[in-house]
Amino acid sequence: VTSYLNEHPGGPDDILEYAGADATEAFEAIGHSPLARKTLNKFEVGRMQGATSKPGKSSSTLAVPTTAYGGLRK
């Protein structure tokens, strides 16, 4: 995710706000495009415990690693 922060159309702060947390609700609330969902799949490194959707589906449970920008969280 760190490599994508500066490419994110909303800027890095939108991602960093959820560092180390489940970002599913925020991601879904924005109404991301199919391209954004495809881009997201490149960064999936695992599944959060309790996630019910299957990998590659648009309703994935998203977690932003706390290592983004050196582990700093806003």
PDB file of N, CA and C in Angstrom:
ATOM      1  N   VAL A   1       0.819  -1.191   0.000  1.00  0.00           N
ATOM      2  CA  VAL A   1       0.000   0.000   0.000  1.00  0.00           C
ATOM      3  C   VAL A   1       0.867   1.260   0.000  1.00  0.00           C
ATOM      4  N   THR A   2       1.980   1.210   0.698  1.00  0.00           N
ATOM      5  CA  THR A   2       2.847   2.386   0.791  1.00  0.00           C
ATOM      6  C   THR A   2       3.243   2.904  -0.588  1.00  0.00           C
ATOM      7  N   SER A   3       3.514   1.987  -1.514  1.00  0.00           N
ATOM      8  CA  SER A   3       3.929   2.415  -2.851  1.00  0.00           C
ATOM      9  C   SER A   3       2.796   3.110  -3.612  1.00  0.00           C
ATOM     10  N   TYR A   4       1.570   2.928  -3.182  1.00  0.00           N
ATOM     11  CA  TYR A   4       0.417   3.512  -3.867  1.00  0.00           C
ATOM     12  C   TYR A   4      -0.069   4.814  -3.238  1.00  0.00           C
ATOM     13  N   LEU A   5       0.377   5.127  -2.057  1.00  0.00           N
ATOM     14  CA  LEU A   5      -0.146   6.283  -1.335  1.00  0.00           C
ATOM     15  C   LEU A   5      -0.136   7.569  -2.149  1.00  0.00           C
ATOM     16  N   ASN A   6       0.964   7.873  -2.798  1.00  0.00           N
ATOM     17  CA  ASN A   6       1.052   9.122  -3.548  1.00  0.00           C
ATOM     18  C   ASN A   6       0.328   9.076  -4.890  1.00  0.00           C
ATOM     19  N   GLU A   7      -0.078   7.867  -5.326  1.00  0.00           N
ATOM     20  CA  GLU A   7      -0.844   7.727  -6.556  1.00  0.00           C
ATOM     21  C   GLU A   7      -2.352   7.772  -6.295  1.00  0.00           C
ATOM     22  N   HIS A   8      -2.753   7.590  -5.058  1.00  0.00           N
ATOM     23  CA  HIS A   8      -4.176   7.543  -4.723  1.00  0.00           C
ATOM     24  C   HIS A   8      -4.832   8.875  -5.081  1.00  0.00           C
ATOM     25  N   PRO A   9      -5.895   8.857  -5.887  1.00  0.00           N
ATOM     26  CA  PRO A   9      -6.538  10.095  -6.321  1.00  0.00           C
ATOM     27  C   PRO A   9      -7.016  10.988  -5.171  1.00  0.00           C
ATOM     28  N   GLY A  10      -7.351  10.387  -4.037  1.00  0.00           N
ATOM     29  CA  GLY A  10      -7.795  11.163  -2.886  1.00  0.00           C
ATOM     30  C   GLY A  10      -6.658  11.607  -1.989  1.00  0.00           C
ATOM     31  N   GLY A  11      -5.435  11.234  -2.350  1.00  0.00           N
ATOM     32  CA  GLY A  11      -4.271  11.578  -1.549  1.00  0.00           C
ATOM     33  C   GLY A  11      -3.991  10.542  -0.476  1.00  0.00           C
ATOM     34  N   PRO A  12      -2.807  10.579   0.105  1.00  0.00           N
ATOM     35  CA  PRO A  12      -2.423   9.568   1.088  1.00  0.00           C
ATOM     36  C   PRO A  12      -3.215   9.631   2.388  1.00  0.00           C
ATOM     37  N   ASP A  13      -3.684  10.797   2.774  1.00  0.00           N
ATOM     38  CA  ASP A  13      -4.387  10.922   4.052  1.00  0.00           C
ATOM     39  C   ASP A  13      -5.653  10.073   4.109  1.00  0.00           C
ATOM     40  N   ASP A  14      -6.332   9.925   2.975  1.00  0.00           N
ATOM     41  CA  ASP A  14      -7.546   9.112   2.954  1.00  0.00           C
ATOM     42  C   ASP A  14      -7.244   7.652   3.281  1.00  0.00           C
ATOM     43  N   ILE A  15      -6.087   7.173   2.908  1.00  0.00           N
ATOM     44  CA  ILE A  15      -5.684   5.794   3.211  1.00  0.00           C
ATOM     45  C   ILE A  15      -5.114   5.712   4.619  1.00  0.00           C
ATOM     46  N   LEU A  16      -4.249   6.640   4.957  1.00  0.00           N
ATOM     47  CA  LEU A  16      -3.579   6.601   6.259  1.00  0.00           C
ATOM     48  C   LEU A  16      -4.547   6.723   7.429  1.00  0.00           C
ATOM     49  N   GLU A  17      -5.674   7.337   7.200  1.00  0.00           N
ATOM     50  CA  GLU A  17      -6.681   7.477   8.256  1.00  0.00           C
ATOM     51  C   GLU A  17      -7.117   6.112   8.794  1.00  0.00           C
ATOM     52  N   TYR A  18      -7.000   5.085   7.965  1.00  0.00           N
ATOM     53  CA  TYR A  18      -7.429   3.742   8.355  1.00  0.00           C
ATOM     54  C   TYR A  18      -6.267   2.791   8.582  1.00  0.00           C
ATOM     55  N   ALA A  19      -5.071   3.293   8.745  1.00  0.00           N
ATOM     56  CA  ALA A  19      -3.902   2.440   8.965  1.00  0.00           C
ATOM     57  C   ALA A  19      -4.129   1.526  10.163  1.00  0.00           C
ATOM     58  N   GLY A  20      -3.986   0.230   9.915  1.00  0.00           N
ATOM     59  CA  GLY A  20      -4.140  -0.763  10.968  1.00  0.00           C
ATOM     60  C   GLY A  20      -5.571  -1.089  11.319  1.00  0.00           C
ATOM     61  N   ALA A  21      -6.515  -0.590  10.529  1.00  0.00           N
ATOM     62  CA  ALA A  21      -7.933  -0.789  10.836  1.00  0.00           C
ATOM     63  C   ALA A  21      -8.677  -1.342   9.623  1.00  0.00           C
ATOM     64  N   ASP A  22      -9.890  -1.771   9.855  1.00  0.00           N
ATOM     65  CA  ASP A  22     -10.760  -2.254   8.797  1.00  0.00           C
ATOM     66  C   ASP A  22     -11.290  -1.043   8.029  1.00  0.00           C
ATOM     67  N   ALA A  23     -10.973  -0.975   6.753  1.00  0.00           N
ATOM     68  CA  ALA A  23     -11.367   0.167   5.927  1.00  0.00           C
ATOM     69  C   ALA A  23     -12.522  -0.171   4.980  1.00  0.00           C
ATOM     70  N   THR A  24     -13.157  -1.312   5.182  1.00  0.00           N
ATOM     71  CA  THR A  24     -14.210  -1.757   4.272  1.00  0.00           C
ATOM     72  C   THR A  24     -15.335  -0.745   4.140  1.00  0.00           C
ATOM     73  N   GLU A  25     -15.875  -0.317   5.251  1.00  0.00           N
ATOM     74  CA  GLU A  25     -17.027   0.587   5.215  1.00  0.00           C
ATOM     75  C   GLU A  25     -16.692   1.895   4.504  1.00  0.00           C
ATOM     76  N   ALA A  26     -15.533   2.444   4.788  1.00  0.00           N
ATOM     77  CA  ALA A  26     -15.118   3.696   4.148  1.00  0.00           C
ATOM     78  C   ALA A  26     -14.918   3.496   2.645  1.00  0.00           C
ATOM     79  N   PHE A  27     -14.294   2.389   2.264  1.00  0.00           N
ATOM     80  CA  PHE A  27     -14.065   2.104   0.852  1.00  0.00           C
ATOM     81  C   PHE A  27     -15.391   1.974   0.108  1.00  0.00           C
ATOM     82  N   GLU A  28     -16.325   1.244   0.686  1.00  0.00           N
ATOM     83  CA  GLU A  28     -17.619   1.038   0.052  1.00  0.00           C
ATOM     84  C   GLU A  28     -18.440   2.323   0.006  1.00  0.00           C
ATOM     85  N   ALA A  29     -18.338   3.153   1.018  1.00  0.00           N
ATOM     86  CA  ALA A  29     -19.120   4.387   1.094  1.00  0.00           C
ATOM     87  C   ALA A  29     -18.754   5.381  -0.014  1.00  0.00           C
ATOM     88  N   ILE A  30     -17.537   5.343  -0.473  1.00  0.00           N
ATOM     89  CA  ILE A  30     -17.072   6.276  -1.499  1.00  0.00           C
ATOM     90  C   ILE A  30     -17.658   5.941  -2.865  1.00  0.00           C
ATOM     91  N   GLY A  31     -17.953   4.672  -3.107  1.00  0.00           N
ATOM     92  CA  GLY A  31     -18.455   4.268  -4.423  1.00  0.00           C
ATOM     93  C   GLY A  31     -17.329   4.184  -5.437  1.00  0.00           C
ATOM     94  N   HIS A  32     -16.303   3.444  -5.110  1.00  0.00           N
ATOM     95  CA  HIS A  32     -15.135   3.310  -5.982  1.00  0.00           C
ATOM     96  C   HIS A  32     -15.483   2.655  -7.321  1.00  0.00           C
ATOM     97  N   SER A  33     -14.730   3.020  -8.320  1.00  0.00           N
ATOM     98  CA  SER A  33     -14.914   2.509  -9.686  1.00  0.00           C
ATOM     99  C   SER A  33     -14.405   1.074  -9.797  1.00  0.00           C
ATOM    100  N   PRO A  34     -14.779   0.382 -10.892  1.00  0.00           N
ATOM    101  CA  PRO A  34     -14.220  -0.953 -11.132  1.00  0.00           C
ATOM    102  C   PRO A  34     -12.690  -0.931 -11.208  1.00  0.00           C
ATOM    103  N   LEU A  35     -12.117   0.141 -11.754  1.00  0.00           N
ATOM    104  CA  LEU A  35     -10.656   0.243 -11.817  1.00  0.00           C
ATOM    105  C   LEU A  35     -10.059   0.338 -10.411  1.00  0.00           C
ATOM    106  N   ALA A  36     -10.707   1.089  -9.542  1.00  0.00           N
ATOM    107  CA  ALA A  36     -10.220   1.197  -8.160  1.00  0.00           C
ATOM    108  C   ALA A  36     -10.265  -0.160  -7.477  1.00  0.00           C
ATOM    109  N   ARG A  37     -11.315  -0.922  -7.711  1.00  0.00           N
ATOM    110  CA  ARG A  37     -11.430  -2.260  -7.116  1.00  0.00           C
ATOM    111  C   ARG A  37     -10.361  -3.194  -7.653  1.00  0.00           C
ATOM    112  N   LYS A  38     -10.069  -3.080  -8.945  1.00  0.00           N
ATOM    113  CA  LYS A  38      -9.015  -3.900  -9.545  1.00  0.00           C
ATOM    114  C   LYS A  38      -7.657  -3.527  -8.951  1.00  0.00           C
ATOM    115  N   THR A  39      -7.428  -2.235  -8.777  1.00  0.00           N
ATOM    116  CA  THR A  39      -6.183  -1.767  -8.172  1.00  0.00           C
ATOM    117  C   THR A  39      -6.058  -2.296  -6.747  1.00  0.00           C
ATOM    118  N   LEU A  40      -7.145  -2.272  -6.015  1.00  0.00           N
ATOM    119  CA  LEU A  40      -7.154  -2.758  -4.643  1.00  0.00           C
ATOM    120  C   LEU A  40      -6.717  -4.218  -4.555  1.00  0.00           C
ATOM    121  N   ASN A  41      -7.161  -5.033  -5.495  1.00  0.00           N
ATOM    122  CA  ASN A  41      -6.808  -6.454  -5.472  1.00  0.00           C
ATOM    123  C   ASN A  41      -5.302  -6.685  -5.491  1.00  0.00           C
ATOM    124  N   LYS A  42      -4.551  -5.774  -6.103  1.00  0.00           N
ATOM    125  CA  LYS A  42      -3.087  -5.914  -6.150  1.00  0.00           C
ATOM    126  C   LYS A  42      -2.460  -5.782  -4.767  1.00  0.00           C
ATOM    127  N   PHE A  43      -3.155  -5.139  -3.839  1.00  0.00           N
ATOM    128  CA  PHE A  43      -2.594  -4.863  -2.525  1.00  0.00           C
ATOM    129  C   PHE A  43      -3.121  -5.786  -1.431  1.00  0.00           C
ATOM    130  N   GLU A  44      -4.026  -6.674  -1.772  1.00  0.00           N
ATOM    131  CA  GLU A  44      -4.554  -7.594  -0.768  1.00  0.00           C
ATOM    132  C   GLU A  44      -3.477  -8.597  -0.396  1.00  0.00           C
ATOM    133  N   VAL A  45      -3.158  -8.645   0.877  1.00  0.00           N
ATOM    134  CA  VAL A  45      -2.119  -9.560   1.350  1.00  0.00           C
ATOM    135  C   VAL A  45      -2.675 -10.642   2.263  1.00  0.00           C
ATOM    136  N   GLY A  46      -3.940 -10.542   2.603  1.00  0.00           N
ATOM    137  CA  GLY A  46      -4.558 -11.536   3.463  1.00  0.00           C
ATOM    138  C   GLY A  46      -5.991 -11.160   3.754  1.00  0.00           C
ATOM    139  N   ARG A  47      -6.625 -11.973   4.570  1.00  0.00           N
ATOM    140  CA  ARG A  47      -8.006 -11.755   4.948  1.00  0.00           C
ATOM    141  C   ARG A  47      -8.074 -11.476   6.434  1.00  0.00           C
ATOM    142  N   MET A  48      -8.900 -10.533   6.820  1.00  0.00           N
ATOM    143  CA  MET A  48      -9.085 -10.249   8.236  1.00  0.00           C
ATOM    144  C   MET A  48      -9.972 -11.324   8.850  1.00  0.00           C
ATOM    145  N   GLN A  49      -9.680 -11.670  10.078  1.00  0.00           N
ATOM    146  CA  GLN A  49     -10.483 -12.649  10.778  1.00  0.00           C
ATOM    147  C   GLN A  49     -11.935 -12.179  10.811  1.00  0.00           C
ATOM    148  N   GLY A  50     -12.846 -13.065  10.454  1.00  0.00           N
ATOM    149  CA  GLY A  50     -14.258 -12.721  10.444  1.00  0.00           C
ATOM    150  C   GLY A  50     -14.761 -12.248   9.094  1.00  0.00           C
ATOM    151  N   ALA A  51     -13.875 -12.066   8.116  1.00  0.00           N
ATOM    152  CA  ALA A  51     -14.306 -11.637   6.788  1.00  0.00           C
ATOM    153  C   ALA A  51     -15.149 -12.735   6.164  1.00  0.00           C
ATOM    154  N   THR A  52     -16.247 -12.365   5.526  1.00  0.00           N
ATOM    155  CA  THR A  52     -17.142 -13.357   4.958  1.00  0.00           C
ATOM    156  C   THR A  52     -17.100 -13.408   3.444  1.00  0.00           C
ATOM    157  N   SER A  53     -16.593 -12.385   2.778  1.00  0.00           N
ATOM    158  CA  SER A  53     -16.557 -12.397   1.320  1.00  0.00           C
ATOM    159  C   SER A  53     -15.345 -13.174   0.834  1.00  0.00           C
ATOM    160  N   LYS A  54     -15.435 -13.622  -0.413  1.00  0.00           N
ATOM    161  CA  LYS A  54     -14.347 -14.390  -1.008  1.00  0.00           C
ATOM    162  C   LYS A  54     -13.344 -13.446  -1.653  1.00  0.00           C
ATOM    163  N   PRO A  55     -12.057 -13.824  -1.700  1.00  0.00           N
ATOM    164  CA  PRO A  55     -11.047 -12.969  -2.348  1.00  0.00           C
ATOM    165  C   PRO A  55     -11.462 -12.633  -3.776  1.00  0.00           C
ATOM    166  N   GLY A  56     -11.202 -11.394  -4.174  1.00  0.00           N
ATOM    167  CA  GLY A  56     -11.511 -10.935  -5.518  1.00  0.00           C
ATOM    168  C   GLY A  56     -12.905 -10.354  -5.656  1.00  0.00           C
ATOM    169  N   LYS A  57     -13.746 -10.499  -4.654  1.00  0.00           N
ATOM    170  CA  LYS A  57     -15.084  -9.922  -4.697  1.00  0.00           C
ATOM    171  C   LYS A  57     -15.005  -8.462  -4.275  1.00  0.00           C
ATOM    172  N   SER A  58     -15.949  -7.673  -4.713  1.00  0.00           N
ATOM    173  CA  SER A  58     -15.898  -6.241  -4.448  1.00  0.00           C
ATOM    174  C   SER A  58     -16.172  -5.876  -2.994  1.00  0.00           C
ATOM    175  N   SER A  59     -16.733  -6.787  -2.220  1.00  0.00           N
ATOM    176  CA  SER A  59     -17.043  -6.463  -0.833  1.00  0.00           C
ATOM    177  C   SER A  59     -15.999  -7.041   0.119  1.00  0.00           C
ATOM    178  N   SER A  60     -14.747  -6.970  -0.261  1.00  0.00           N
ATOM    179  CA  SER A  60     -13.658  -7.482   0.566  1.00  0.00           C
ATOM    180  C   SER A  60     -13.558  -6.707   1.867  1.00  0.00           C
ATOM    181  N   THR A  61     -13.021  -7.359   2.876  1.00  0.00           N
ATOM    182  CA  THR A  61     -12.710  -6.666   4.115  1.00  0.00           C
ATOM    183  C   THR A  61     -11.315  -6.105   3.953  1.00  0.00           C
ATOM    184  N   LEU A  62     -11.168  -4.815   4.068  1.00  0.00           N
ATOM    185  CA  LEU A  62      -9.918  -4.137   3.776  1.00  0.00           C
ATOM    186  C   LEU A  62      -9.208  -3.716   5.042  1.00  0.00           C
ATOM    187  N   ALA A  63      -7.922  -3.937   5.073  1.00  0.00           N
ATOM    188  CA  ALA A  63      -7.123  -3.455   6.187  1.00  0.00           C
ATOM    189  C   ALA A  63      -5.914  -2.743   5.616  1.00  0.00           C
ATOM    190  N   VAL A  64      -5.625  -1.581   6.130  1.00  0.00           N
ATOM    191  CA  VAL A  64      -4.450  -0.831   5.706  1.00  0.00           C
ATOM    192  C   VAL A  64      -3.339  -1.151   6.703  1.00  0.00           C
ATOM    193  N   PRO A  65      -2.209  -1.676   6.218  1.00  0.00           N
ATOM    194  CA  PRO A  65      -1.127  -2.025   7.134  1.00  0.00           C
ATOM    195  C   PRO A  65      -0.629  -0.823   7.935  1.00  0.00           C
ATOM    196  N   THR A  66      -0.255  -1.060   9.173  1.00  0.00           N
ATOM    197  CA  THR A  66       0.259   0.031   9.997  1.00  0.00           C
ATOM    198  C   THR A  66       1.663   0.425   9.566  1.00  0.00           C
ATOM    199  N   THR A  67       2.269  -0.328   8.652  1.00  0.00           N
ATOM    200  CA  THR A  67       3.607   0.011   8.180  1.00  0.00           C
ATOM    201  C   THR A  67       3.582   1.104   7.120  1.00  0.00           C
ATOM    202  N   ALA A  68       2.408   1.517   6.682  1.00  0.00           N
ATOM    203  CA  ALA A  68       2.335   2.600   5.700  1.00  0.00           C
ATOM    204  C   ALA A  68       2.979   3.840   6.275  1.00  0.00           C
ATOM    205  N   TYR A  69       3.884   4.429   5.552  1.00  0.00           N
ATOM    206  CA  TYR A  69       4.642   5.599   5.974  1.00  0.00           C
ATOM    207  C   TYR A  69       5.268   5.403   7.351  1.00  0.00           C
ATOM    208  N   GLY A  70       5.965   4.307   7.505  1.00  0.00           N
ATOM    209  CA  GLY A  70       6.724   4.070   8.730  1.00  0.00           C
ATOM    210  C   GLY A  70       5.860   3.718   9.926  1.00  0.00           C
ATOM    211  N   GLY A  71       4.626   3.321   9.694  1.00  0.00           N
ATOM    212  CA  GLY A  71       3.764   2.901  10.790  1.00  0.00           C
ATOM    213  C   GLY A  71       3.080   4.041  11.494  1.00  0.00           C
ATOM    214  N   LEU A  72       3.251   5.248  11.017  1.00  0.00           N
ATOM    215  CA  LEU A  72       2.600   6.393  11.655  1.00  0.00           C
ATOM    216  C   LEU A  72       1.121   6.393  11.340  1.00  0.00           C
ATOM    217  N   ARG A  73       0.349   6.705  12.322  1.00  0.00           N
ATOM    218  CA  ARG A  73      -1.091   6.757  12.152  1.00  0.00           C
ATOM    219  C   ARG A  73      -1.577   8.125  12.554  1.00  0.00           C
ATOM    220  N   LYS A  74      -2.501   8.671  11.788  1.00  0.00           N
ATOM    221  CA  LYS A  74      -3.033  10.002  12.099  1.00  0.00           C
ATOM    222  C   LYS A  74      -3.822   9.982  13.384  1.00  0.00           C
TER     223      LYS A  74
END
